[in-house]
Amino acid sequence: MSNPHPDPVGTSHSGMIISTLELELTGRCALQCVHCYADSGPAGTPGTMINDDWISVIDQGVALGIPQIQFNDPGSP
């Protein structure tokens, strides 16, 4: 899918510049780090989003012109 925006960085509806869309894939993690920004752990949940939800979020990022998507996994410090 080609980016319809010529600018290298996306802009939100409020005018905020967005350079990266970060997606947290799960809240489940084998570790129990006290410093964890995601408050993840073995009791974390995989979340409620289905494939169509993820595709919709990514499509919205593309529509905003966000040039980079980062998939985060809290189990990978």
PDB file of N, CA and C in Angstrom:
ATOM      1  N   MET A   1       0.856  -1.177   0.000  1.00  0.00           N
ATOM      2  CA  MET A   1       0.000   0.000   0.000  1.00  0.00           C
ATOM      3  C   MET A   1       0.900   1.238   0.000  1.00  0.00           C
ATOM      4  N   SER A   2       0.684   2.145  -0.916  1.00  0.00           N
ATOM      5  CA  SER A   2       1.499   3.343  -0.991  1.00  0.00           C
ATOM      6  C   SER A   2       0.979   4.402  -0.026  1.00  0.00           C
ATOM      7  N   ASN A   3       1.897   5.213   0.450  1.00  0.00           N
ATOM      8  CA  ASN A   3       1.559   6.275   1.387  1.00  0.00           C
ATOM      9  C   ASN A   3       0.999   7.458   0.601  1.00  0.00           C
ATOM     10  N   PRO A   4      -0.238   7.878   0.871  1.00  0.00           N
ATOM     11  CA  PRO A   4      -0.844   8.994   0.128  1.00  0.00           C
ATOM     12  C   PRO A   4      -0.282  10.349   0.532  1.00  0.00           C
ATOM     13  N   HIS A   5       0.554  10.384   1.574  1.00  0.00           N
ATOM     14  CA  HIS A   5       1.109  11.646   2.069  1.00  0.00           C
ATOM     15  C   HIS A   5       2.555  11.805   1.613  1.00  0.00           C
ATOM     16  N   PRO A   6       2.903  12.920   1.001  1.00  0.00           N
ATOM     17  CA  PRO A   6       4.282  13.120   0.548  1.00  0.00           C
ATOM     18  C   PRO A   6       5.245  13.419   1.692  1.00  0.00           C
ATOM     19  N   ASP A   7       4.738  13.867   2.824  1.00  0.00           N
ATOM     20  CA  ASP A   7       5.602  14.205   3.952  1.00  0.00           C
ATOM     21  C   ASP A   7       6.177  12.945   4.577  1.00  0.00           C
ATOM     22  N   PRO A   8       7.425  12.988   5.075  1.00  0.00           N
ATOM     23  CA  PRO A   8       8.036  11.804   5.671  1.00  0.00           C
ATOM     24  C   PRO A   8       7.521  11.497   7.072  1.00  0.00           C
ATOM     25  N   VAL A   9       6.717  12.361   7.633  1.00  0.00           N
ATOM     26  CA  VAL A   9       6.214  12.166   8.993  1.00  0.00           C
ATOM     27  C   VAL A   9       4.713  12.429   8.997  1.00  0.00           C
ATOM     28  N   GLY A  10       3.959  11.602   9.728  1.00  0.00           N
ATOM     29  CA  GLY A  10       2.516  11.775   9.809  1.00  0.00           C
ATOM     30  C   GLY A  10       2.122  12.936  10.695  1.00  0.00           C
ATOM     31  N   THR A  11       0.908  13.402  10.525  1.00  0.00           N
ATOM     32  CA  THR A  11       0.363  14.463  11.351  1.00  0.00           C
ATOM     33  C   THR A  11      -1.014  14.028  11.823  1.00  0.00           C
ATOM     34  N   SER A  12      -1.247  14.107  13.119  1.00  0.00           N
ATOM     35  CA  SER A  12      -2.544  13.719  13.662  1.00  0.00           C
ATOM     36  C   SER A  12      -3.575  14.798  13.367  1.00  0.00           C
ATOM     37  N   HIS A  13      -4.819  14.488  13.682  1.00  0.00           N
ATOM     38  CA  HIS A  13      -5.902  15.460  13.471  1.00  0.00           C
ATOM     39  C   HIS A  13      -5.712  16.707  14.330  1.00  0.00           C
ATOM     40  N   SER A  14      -4.972  16.586  15.438  1.00  0.00           N
ATOM     41  CA  SER A  14      -4.739  17.740  16.297  1.00  0.00           C
ATOM     42  C   SER A  14      -3.495  18.524  15.876  1.00  0.00           C
ATOM     43  N   GLY A  15      -2.820  18.055  14.807  1.00  0.00           N
ATOM     44  CA  GLY A  15      -1.626  18.740  14.328  1.00  0.00           C
ATOM     45  C   GLY A  15      -0.338  18.199  14.914  1.00  0.00           C
ATOM     46  N   MET A  16      -0.437  17.222  15.799  1.00  0.00           N
ATOM     47  CA  MET A  16       0.750  16.627  16.407  1.00  0.00           C
ATOM     48  C   MET A  16       1.508  15.794  15.372  1.00  0.00           C
ATOM     49  N   ILE A  17       2.822  15.942  15.315  1.00  0.00           N
ATOM     50  CA  ILE A  17       3.634  15.172  14.376  1.00  0.00           C
ATOM     51  C   ILE A  17       3.881  13.786  14.957  1.00  0.00           C
ATOM     52  N   ILE A  18       3.647  12.765  14.134  1.00  0.00           N
ATOM     53  CA  ILE A  18       3.805  11.377  14.570  1.00  0.00           C
ATOM     54  C   ILE A  18       4.814  10.708  13.643  1.00  0.00           C
ATOM     55  N   SER A  19       5.918  10.207  14.204  1.00  0.00           N
ATOM     56  CA  SER A  19       6.934   9.569  13.370  1.00  0.00           C
ATOM     57  C   SER A  19       6.894   8.050  13.464  1.00  0.00           C
ATOM     58  N   THR A  20       6.321   7.512  14.544  1.00  0.00           N
ATOM     59  CA  THR A  20       6.291   6.063  14.723  1.00  0.00           C
ATOM     60  C   THR A  20       4.984   5.645  15.374  1.00  0.00           C
ATOM     61  N   LEU A  21       4.411   4.576  14.870  1.00  0.00           N
ATOM     62  CA  LEU A  21       3.236   3.948  15.479  1.00  0.00           C
ATOM     63  C   LEU A  21       3.748   2.722  16.228  1.00  0.00           C
ATOM     64  N   GLU A  22       3.643   2.719  17.555  1.00  0.00           N
ATOM     65  CA  GLU A  22       4.119   1.600  18.363  1.00  0.00           C
ATOM     66  C   GLU A  22       2.937   0.766  18.818  1.00  0.00           C
ATOM     67  N   LEU A  23       2.974  -0.527  18.501  1.00  0.00           N
ATOM     68  CA  LEU A  23       1.884  -1.435  18.820  1.00  0.00           C
ATOM     69  C   LEU A  23       2.363  -2.466  19.835  1.00  0.00           C
ATOM     70  N   GLU A  24       1.695  -2.533  20.959  1.00  0.00           N
ATOM     71  CA  GLU A  24       1.999  -3.507  22.016  1.00  0.00           C
ATOM     72  C   GLU A  24       1.190  -4.769  21.721  1.00  0.00           C
ATOM     73  N   LEU A  25       1.876  -5.837  21.389  1.00  0.00           N
ATOM     74  CA  LEU A  25       1.195  -7.042  20.922  1.00  0.00           C
ATOM     75  C   LEU A  25       0.512  -7.841  22.017  1.00  0.00           C
ATOM     76  N   THR A  26       1.075  -7.851  23.197  1.00  0.00           N
ATOM     77  CA  THR A  26       0.513  -8.652  24.283  1.00  0.00           C
ATOM     78  C   THR A  26       0.940  -8.080  25.631  1.00  0.00           C
ATOM     79  N   GLY A  27       0.218  -8.419  26.658  1.00  0.00           N
ATOM     80  CA  GLY A  27       0.587  -8.041  28.016  1.00  0.00           C
ATOM     81  C   GLY A  27       1.168  -9.227  28.768  1.00  0.00           C
ATOM     82  N   ARG A  28       1.283 -10.350  28.067  1.00  0.00           N
ATOM     83  CA  ARG A  28       1.796 -11.570  28.686  1.00  0.00           C
ATOM     84  C   ARG A  28       3.312 -11.629  28.498  1.00  0.00           C
ATOM     85  N   CYS A  29       4.010 -11.994  29.555  1.00  0.00           N
ATOM     86  CA  CYS A  29       5.465 -12.039  29.525  1.00  0.00           C
ATOM     87  C   CYS A  29       5.939 -13.028  30.587  1.00  0.00           C
ATOM     88  N   ALA A  30       7.022 -13.733  30.312  1.00  0.00           N
ATOM     89  CA  ALA A  30       7.558 -14.702  31.270  1.00  0.00           C
ATOM     90  C   ALA A  30       8.318 -14.019  32.400  1.00  0.00           C
ATOM     91  N   LEU A  31       8.678 -12.768  32.205  1.00  0.00           N
ATOM     92  CA  LEU A  31       9.475 -12.044  33.201  1.00  0.00           C
ATOM     93  C   LEU A  31       8.568 -11.247  34.149  1.00  0.00           C
ATOM     94  N   GLN A  32       9.113 -10.814  35.271  1.00  0.00           N
ATOM     95  CA  GLN A  32       8.375  -9.994  36.236  1.00  0.00           C
ATOM     96  C   GLN A  32       9.225  -8.788  36.634  1.00  0.00           C
ATOM     97  N   CYS A  33       9.681  -8.037  35.663  1.00  0.00           N
ATOM     98  CA  CYS A  33      10.568  -6.902  35.911  1.00  0.00           C
ATOM     99  C   CYS A  33       9.824  -5.787  36.656  1.00  0.00           C
ATOM    100  N   VAL A  34      10.415  -5.305  37.743  1.00  0.00           N
ATOM    101  CA  VAL A  34       9.773  -4.237  38.512  1.00  0.00           C
ATOM    102  C   VAL A  34       9.758  -2.922  37.743  1.00  0.00           C
ATOM    103  N   HIS A  35      10.651  -2.769  36.772  1.00  0.00           N
ATOM    104  CA  HIS A  35      10.742  -1.531  36.003  1.00  0.00           C
ATOM    105  C   HIS A  35       9.894  -1.558  34.729  1.00  0.00           C
ATOM    106  N   CYS A  36       9.110  -2.604  34.512  1.00  0.00           N
ATOM    107  CA  CYS A  36       8.377  -2.779  33.256  1.00  0.00           C
ATOM    108  C   CYS A  36       7.401  -1.628  33.008  1.00  0.00           C
ATOM    109  N   TYR A  37       7.564  -0.970  31.863  1.00  0.00           N
ATOM    110  CA  TYR A  37       6.686   0.143  31.496  1.00  0.00           C
ATOM    111  C   TYR A  37       5.277  -0.333  31.148  1.00  0.00           C
ATOM    112  N   ALA A  38       5.150  -1.601  30.756  1.00  0.00           N
ATOM    113  CA  ALA A  38       3.858  -2.117  30.304  1.00  0.00           C
ATOM    114  C   ALA A  38       3.104  -2.844  31.406  1.00  0.00           C
ATOM    115  N   ASP A  39       3.713  -2.957  32.585  1.00  0.00           N
ATOM    116  CA  ASP A  39       3.098  -3.694  33.692  1.00  0.00           C
ATOM    117  C   ASP A  39       2.699  -5.096  33.236  1.00  0.00           C
ATOM    118  N   SER A  40       3.595  -5.718  32.478  1.00  0.00           N
ATOM    119  CA  SER A  40       3.347  -7.055  31.952  1.00  0.00           C
ATOM    120  C   SER A  40       3.918  -8.103  32.901  1.00  0.00           C
ATOM    121  N   GLY A  41       3.530  -9.333  32.696  1.00  0.00           N
ATOM    122  CA  GLY A  41       4.029 -10.441  33.496  1.00  0.00           C
ATOM    123  C   GLY A  41       3.333 -11.719  33.094  1.00  0.00           C
ATOM    124  N   PRO A  42       3.630 -12.816  33.796  1.00  0.00           N
ATOM    125  CA  PRO A  42       3.017 -14.097  33.466  1.00  0.00           C
ATOM    126  C   PRO A  42       1.484 -14.076  33.537  1.00  0.00           C
ATOM    127  N   ALA A  43       0.934 -13.201  34.366  1.00  0.00           N
ATOM    128  CA  ALA A  43      -0.523 -13.126  34.505  1.00  0.00           C
ATOM    129  C   ALA A  43      -1.151 -12.138  33.518  1.00  0.00           C
ATOM    130  N   GLY A  44      -0.316 -11.506  32.684  1.00  0.00           N
ATOM    131  CA  GLY A  44      -0.834 -10.555  31.708  1.00  0.00           C
ATOM    132  C   GLY A  44      -1.736 -11.231  30.693  1.00  0.00           C
ATOM    133  N   THR A  45      -2.510 -10.442  30.017  1.00  0.00           N
ATOM    134  CA  THR A  45      -3.450 -10.995  29.041  1.00  0.00           C
ATOM    135  C   THR A  45      -2.932 -10.784  27.625  1.00  0.00           C
ATOM    136  N   PRO A  46      -3.384 -11.601  26.689  1.00  0.00           N
ATOM    137  CA  PRO A  46      -2.999 -11.388  25.299  1.00  0.00           C
ATOM    138  C   PRO A  46      -3.766 -10.227  24.662  1.00  0.00           C
ATOM    139  N   GLY A  47      -4.694  -9.654  25.391  1.00  0.00           N
ATOM    140  CA  GLY A  47      -5.472  -8.534  24.861  1.00  0.00           C
ATOM    141  C   GLY A  47      -6.740  -9.010  24.178  1.00  0.00           C
ATOM    142  N   THR A  48      -7.507  -8.055  23.686  1.00  0.00           N
ATOM    143  CA  THR A  48      -8.798  -8.381  23.089  1.00  0.00           C
ATOM    144  C   THR A  48      -8.849  -8.106  21.594  1.00  0.00           C
ATOM    145  N   MET A  49      -7.764  -7.578  21.031  1.00  0.00           N
ATOM    146  CA  MET A  49      -7.780  -7.235  19.611  1.00  0.00           C
ATOM    147  C   MET A  49      -7.644  -8.489  18.746  1.00  0.00           C
ATOM    148  N   ILE A  50      -8.433  -8.519  17.670  1.00  0.00           N
ATOM    149  CA  ILE A  50      -8.348  -9.599  16.697  1.00  0.00           C
ATOM    150  C   ILE A  50      -7.596  -9.068  15.468  1.00  0.00           C
ATOM    151  N   ASN A  51      -7.306  -9.931  14.517  1.00  0.00           N
ATOM    152  CA  ASN A  51      -6.532  -9.525  13.338  1.00  0.00           C
ATOM    153  C   ASN A  51      -7.128  -8.302  12.638  1.00  0.00           C
ATOM    154  N   ASP A  52      -8.432  -8.277  12.473  1.00  0.00           N
ATOM    155  CA  ASP A  52      -9.067  -7.133  11.806  1.00  0.00           C
ATOM    156  C   ASP A  52      -8.841  -5.831  12.570  1.00  0.00           C
ATOM    157  N   ASP A  53      -8.792  -5.898  13.903  1.00  0.00           N
ATOM    158  CA  ASP A  53      -8.517  -4.706  14.715  1.00  0.00           C
ATOM    159  C   ASP A  53      -7.107  -4.184  14.435  1.00  0.00           C
ATOM    160  N   TRP A  54      -6.126  -5.093  14.414  1.00  0.00           N
ATOM    161  CA  TRP A  54      -4.738  -4.697  14.156  1.00  0.00           C
ATOM    162  C   TRP A  54      -4.611  -4.098  12.757  1.00  0.00           C
ATOM    163  N   ILE A  55      -5.253  -4.720  11.785  1.00  0.00           N
ATOM    164  CA  ILE A  55      -5.204  -4.210  10.415  1.00  0.00           C
ATOM    165  C   ILE A  55      -5.817  -2.813  10.339  1.00  0.00           C
ATOM    166  N   SER A  56      -6.911  -2.595  11.060  1.00  0.00           N
ATOM    167  CA  SER A  56      -7.551  -1.281  11.087  1.00  0.00           C
ATOM    168  C   SER A  56      -6.626  -0.220  11.679  1.00  0.00           C
ATOM    169  N   VAL A  57      -5.957  -0.551  12.775  1.00  0.00           N
ATOM    170  CA  VAL A  57      -5.035   0.403  13.416  1.00  0.00           C
ATOM    171  C   VAL A  57      -3.884   0.740  12.465  1.00  0.00           C
ATOM    172  N   ILE A  58      -3.338  -0.282  11.817  1.00  0.00           N
ATOM    173  CA  ILE A  58      -2.248  -0.056  10.870  1.00  0.00           C
ATOM    174  C   ILE A  58      -2.725   0.791   9.690  1.00  0.00           C
ATOM    175  N   ASP A  59      -3.908   0.501   9.172  1.00  0.00           N
ATOM    176  CA  ASP A  59      -4.471   1.301   8.077  1.00  0.00           C
ATOM    177  C   ASP A  59      -4.661   2.760   8.495  1.00  0.00           C
ATOM    178  N   GLN A  60      -5.092   2.989   9.729  1.00  0.00           N
ATOM    179  CA  GLN A  60      -5.257   4.355  10.220  1.00  0.00           C
ATOM    180  C   GLN A  60      -3.906   5.069  10.304  1.00  0.00           C
ATOM    181  N   GLY A  61      -2.876   4.339  10.722  1.00  0.00           N
ATOM    182  CA  GLY A  61      -1.534   4.919  10.757  1.00  0.00           C
ATOM    183  C   GLY A  61      -1.052   5.304   9.372  1.00  0.00           C
ATOM    184  N   VAL A  62      -1.304   4.441   8.402  1.00  0.00           N
ATOM    185  CA  VAL A  62      -0.942   4.741   7.016  1.00  0.00           C
ATOM    186  C   VAL A  62      -1.704   5.972   6.533  1.00  0.00           C
ATOM    187  N   ALA A  63      -2.994   6.053   6.847  1.00  0.00           N
ATOM    188  CA  ALA A  63      -3.812   7.193   6.423  1.00  0.00           C
ATOM    189  C   ALA A  63      -3.304   8.505   7.020  1.00  0.00           C
ATOM    190  N   LEU A  64      -2.710   8.430   8.214  1.00  0.00           N
ATOM    191  CA  LEU A  64      -2.141   9.627   8.844  1.00  0.00           C
ATOM    192  C   LEU A  64      -0.755   9.956   8.290  1.00  0.00           C
ATOM    193  N   GLY A  65      -0.188   9.029   7.517  1.00  0.00           N
ATOM    194  CA  GLY A  65       1.136   9.268   6.946  1.00  0.00           C
ATOM    195  C   GLY A  65       2.276   8.881   7.861  1.00  0.00           C
ATOM    196  N   ILE A  66       2.011   8.045   8.844  1.00  0.00           N
ATOM    197  CA  ILE A  66       3.066   7.622   9.768  1.00  0.00           C
ATOM    198  C   ILE A  66       4.000   6.668   9.023  1.00  0.00           C
ATOM    199  N   PRO A  67       5.296   7.012   8.951  1.00  0.00           N
ATOM    200  CA  PRO A  67       6.204   6.247   8.108  1.00  0.00           C
ATOM    201  C   PRO A  67       6.769   4.972   8.730  1.00  0.00           C
ATOM    202  N   GLN A  68       6.605   4.789  10.035  1.00  0.00           N
ATOM    203  CA  GLN A  68       7.245   3.648  10.693  1.00  0.00           C
ATOM    204  C   GLN A  68       6.295   2.996  11.682  1.00  0.00           C
ATOM    205  N   ILE A  69       6.276   1.670  11.674  1.00  0.00           N
ATOM    206  CA  ILE A  69       5.488   0.912  12.659  1.00  0.00           C
ATOM    207  C   ILE A  69       6.449   0.042  13.434  1.00  0.00           C
ATOM    208  N   GLN A  70       6.328   0.072  14.756  1.00  0.00           N
ATOM    209  CA  GLN A  70       7.174  -0.747  15.629  1.00  0.00           C
ATOM    210  C   GLN A  70       6.262  -1.670  16.428  1.00  0.00           C
ATOM    211  N   PHE A  71       6.528  -2.974  16.337  1.00  0.00           N
ATOM    212  CA  PHE A  71       5.772  -3.960  17.095  1.00  0.00           C
ATOM    213  C   PHE A  71       6.544  -4.263  18.363  1.00  0.00           C
ATOM    214  N   ASN A  72       5.929  -3.998  19.514  1.00  0.00           N
ATOM    215  CA  ASN A  72       6.582  -4.204  20.802  1.00  0.00           C
ATOM    216  C   ASN A  72       6.099  -5.487  21.446  1.00  0.00           C
ATOM    217  N   ASP A  73       7.010  -6.179  22.054  1.00  0.00           N
ATOM    218  CA  ASP A  73       6.724  -7.392  22.798  1.00  0.00           C
ATOM    219  C   ASP A  73       7.333  -7.187  24.178  1.00  0.00           C
ATOM    220  N   PRO A  74       6.525  -7.063  25.211  1.00  0.00           N
ATOM    221  CA  PRO A  74       7.078  -6.766  26.535  1.00  0.00           C
ATOM    222  C   PRO A  74       8.027  -7.834  27.041  1.00  0.00           C
ATOM    223  N   GLY A  75       8.032  -9.007  26.461  1.00  0.00           N
ATOM    224  CA  GLY A  75       8.948 -10.064  26.885  1.00  0.00           C
ATOM    225  C   GLY A  75      10.333  -9.911  26.313  1.00  0.00           C
ATOM    226  N   SER A  76      10.569  -8.864  25.560  1.00  0.00           N
ATOM    227  CA  SER A  76      11.885  -8.651  24.944  1.00  0.00           C
ATOM    228  C   SER A  76      12.469  -7.332  25.427  1.00  0.00           C
ATOM    229  N   PRO A  77      13.115  -7.345  26.592  1.00  0.00           N
ATOM    230  CA  PRO A  77      13.642  -6.078  27.122  1.00  0.00           C
ATOM    231  C   PRO A  77      14.757  -5.489  26.275  1.00  0.00           C
TER     232      PRO A  77
END
